[in-house]
Each structure stands twice: as structure tokens, then as C-alpha cells.
Protein backbone atom coordinates (compact mmCIF):
# COMPACT_ATOMS: atom_id res chain seq x y z
CA MET A 1 4.69 -1.07 16.55
CA GLN A 2 4.16 -4.98 17.08
CA SER A 3 2.55 -7.12 14.38
CA ARG A 4 -1.17 -6.75 14.25
CA TYR A 5 -3.88 -8.93 13.02
CA VAL A 6 -6.54 -7.11 11.33
CA ASP A 7 -9.57 -8.60 9.27
CA GLY A 8 -7.58 -11.61 8.03
CA ILE A 9 -4.23 -9.33 7.54
CA VAL A 10 -1.32 -9.19 9.48
CA ILE A 11 0.49 -5.75 9.55
CA ARG A 12 3.89 -5.18 10.55
CA PRO A 13 6.40 -2.23 10.21
CA LEU A 14 9.10 -2.70 7.87
CA ARG A 15 12.60 -3.33 9.32
CA ASP A 16 15.01 -0.65 8.09
CA GLY A 17 17.13 -1.99 5.06
CA ASP A 18 14.62 -4.82 4.67
CA ALA A 19 15.36 -4.83 0.86
CA ASP A 20 14.10 -8.35 0.35
CA THR A 21 10.71 -7.82 1.35
CA VAL A 22 10.43 -4.57 -0.40
CA LEU A 23 11.59 -6.40 -3.92
CA ALA A 24 9.17 -9.28 -3.04
CA VAL A 25 6.09 -6.86 -3.20
CA PHE A 26 7.61 -5.18 -6.44
CA GLN A 27 8.32 -8.37 -8.17
CA ARG A 28 4.51 -9.43 -7.38
CA LEU A 29 3.09 -6.09 -8.79
CA SER A 30 1.37 -6.11 -12.21
CA THR A 31 2.62 -4.18 -15.17
CA GLU A 32 -0.32 -1.95 -14.24
CA SER A 33 0.13 -1.83 -10.74
CA ARG A 34 3.94 -0.63 -11.49
CA ARG A 35 2.72 2.00 -14.01
CA ARG A 36 0.38 3.45 -10.97
CA ARG A 37 2.80 3.43 -8.41
CA PHE A 38 5.88 4.83 -9.96
CA GLY A 39 4.20 6.95 -12.63
CA GLY A 40 5.57 5.08 -15.93
CA ALA A 41 6.80 1.58 -16.88
CA LYS A 42 9.13 0.32 -14.18
CA THR A 43 10.74 -3.30 -15.03
CA HIS A 44 13.28 -3.42 -12.02
CA LEU A 45 14.60 -1.30 -9.09
CA SER A 46 17.93 -0.10 -9.20
CA PRO A 47 20.02 -0.79 -5.94
CA VAL A 48 19.77 3.16 -5.30
CA GLU A 49 15.78 2.89 -5.63
CA LEU A 50 15.70 -0.26 -3.71
CA ASP A 51 17.77 1.01 -0.50
CA LEU A 52 15.56 4.14 -0.87
CA LEU A 53 12.32 2.16 -0.74
CA ALA A 54 13.67 -0.03 2.24
CA ARG A 55 14.48 3.01 4.27
CA VAL A 56 13.04 3.27 7.64
CA ASP A 57 13.65 6.28 9.98
CA ALA A 58 11.98 9.20 11.62
CA GLU A 59 10.88 10.35 8.30
CA HIS A 60 10.25 7.28 6.53
CA HIS A 61 7.35 4.78 7.78
CA VAL A 62 6.52 1.54 6.01
CA LEU A 63 3.97 -1.03 6.94
CA VAL A 64 4.00 -4.47 5.37
CA ALA A 65 0.89 -6.34 4.93
CA TYR A 66 0.58 -10.59 4.56
CA ALA A 67 -2.83 -12.21 4.06
CA ASP A 68 -3.37 -14.42 7.16
CA GLY A 69 -1.20 -17.74 6.63
CA GLU A 70 1.00 -16.48 3.82
CA ALA A 71 4.86 -16.20 3.96
CA ARG A 72 4.99 -13.77 0.97
CA PRO A 73 3.94 -9.91 1.59
CA ALA A 74 0.84 -8.83 -0.05
CA GLY A 75 1.57 -4.86 -0.08
CA LEU A 76 3.27 -2.00 1.51
CA ALA A 77 2.16 1.26 2.77
CA ARG A 78 4.59 3.99 2.86
CA LEU A 79 4.66 7.37 4.62
CA VAL A 80 7.47 9.93 4.11
CA ARG A 81 7.55 13.37 6.05
CA ASN A 82 8.47 16.52 4.80
CA GLY A 83 8.01 18.85 7.44
CA SER A 84 4.35 19.13 8.23
CA ALA A 85 3.46 17.21 5.43
CA ALA A 86 3.67 13.85 4.19
CA GLU A 87 3.61 11.90 0.91
CA VAL A 88 1.81 8.36 0.92
CA ALA A 89 2.46 5.33 -1.42
CA PHE A 90 1.01 2.05 -1.42
CA GLU A 91 2.04 -1.30 -3.64
CA VAL A 92 -0.41 -3.87 -3.67
CA ALA A 93 0.86 -7.19 -5.31
CA ALA A 94 -1.22 -8.12 -8.20
CA ASP A 95 -1.72 -11.61 -7.00
CA ALA A 96 -3.27 -10.30 -3.46
CA ARG A 97 -6.54 -11.48 -4.96
CA ALA A 98 -4.99 -15.10 -5.19
CA ALA A 99 -4.13 -14.60 -1.38
CA GLY A 100 -7.85 -13.68 -0.61
CA ILE A 101 -7.49 -10.05 -0.91
CA GLY A 102 -10.16 -8.53 -3.27
CA GLU A 103 -10.74 -5.33 -1.70
CA LEU A 104 -9.34 -2.42 0.16
CA HIS A 105 -11.25 -0.77 2.70
CA ALA A 106 -10.91 2.83 3.93
CA THR A 107 -12.70 5.43 6.11
CA VAL A 108 -12.31 8.66 4.73
CA ALA A 109 -13.47 12.25 6.04
CA CYS A 110 -15.90 13.77 3.63
CA ASP A 111 -13.76 16.77 2.92
CA ASN A 112 -10.83 14.73 2.38
CA ALA A 113 -10.78 14.78 -1.39
CA PRO A 114 -7.05 13.91 -1.95
CA ALA A 115 -7.69 10.48 -0.23
CA MET A 116 -10.55 9.94 -2.27
CA SER A 117 -8.66 10.62 -5.41
CA LEU A 118 -6.04 8.39 -4.46
CA LEU A 119 -8.48 5.47 -3.85
CA ALA A 120 -10.40 6.12 -7.28
CA ARG A 121 -7.03 5.94 -9.08
CA SER A 122 -6.31 2.50 -7.22
CA SER A 123 -9.44 0.99 -8.18
CA ARG A 124 -11.79 1.23 -11.26
CA ARG A 125 -14.70 0.05 -9.04
CA LEU A 126 -15.16 2.46 -5.78
CA ARG A 127 -18.10 2.25 -3.54
CA ALA A 128 -18.47 4.76 -0.97
CA THR A 129 -21.23 4.88 1.81
CA TRP A 130 -21.86 7.84 4.10
CA LEU A 131 -21.41 7.41 7.93
CA GLY A 132 -22.25 10.89 9.23
CA ALA A 133 -19.06 13.06 8.45
CA GLU A 134 -16.88 10.10 6.83
CA ARG A 135 -17.34 7.67 4.01
CA ARG A 136 -16.65 4.12 4.35
CA VAL A 137 -14.78 3.48 1.01
CA VAL A 138 -14.39 -0.11 -0.81
CA ALA A 139 -11.86 -0.24 -3.67
CA ALA A 140 -12.17 -3.60 -5.48
CA LEU A 141 -8.61 -4.78 -6.54
CA GLU A 142 -8.39 -5.26 -10.47
């Protein structure tokens, strides 16, 4: 996948071993974002954690997002395959709003309760409108 430009956001794949990008996003996360993403207080990443989070291969897929014109990454989206299932995780920088990102948008199938739950946990203000069998969801960044 090459870099793509979508609604003011540049999205590119993370290169395997790109620990600098992973660390740049981690350092920009607020305390609350770190707690939500890692399930508890997290002040730093160990070298082992950093290596694991920078891993990209057939089971580990990671995208990096940049606000248009910004040199520093605003967030990461991660998918880790485990057979026919996958775990997803998102890290969105605390100052993404300062870079012009105020909302996360998603289209979710009406029967996809886990995705709606994930979006609801990522934002205190969630707006959803029905589009046939899907919901267009807007999650305001804190």
C-alpha cells in the first residue's frame, strides 16, 4: 500500500521496525489515552514493547496517520491476526486536535456491536446516524 490522502489525513503503512514513529505517537498520547489504549498507567515503553509495537509482518498490520502538512504522526491503527480473528488497537495523539483532527469517522454495520463499543470507549461524545444497514459514526476527540 502506498500513502493515501483521505479528507485531510495522509495514511501510510508503518515500515517494519519503525520504532521512532511508534515512539513519536506514544509520546504524544495523553495520560487518559495511554490508560485507555494500554489498560492502565503507562509512562514509557520498554525496548521489548517498542520492538513488538513496531513489528510489521503477515500477522501485524499497522497504519500511520498524519494531519495534512504535519511532520509528526497523529495516530496509529493496528491489526494483529490470530488465525481467523484479529485484535485491533488505535493510538491517537493527544494533540491531534491541534493538528486539525477533531473527530474520528467510521461506517459500522448495524450488527457490529464490538465496533460500536470500541468507538464509544474512545469518545465521550458519540454521534451516529443510520444509513440503511450501517451507521455513520462520529466520535469527538477529547
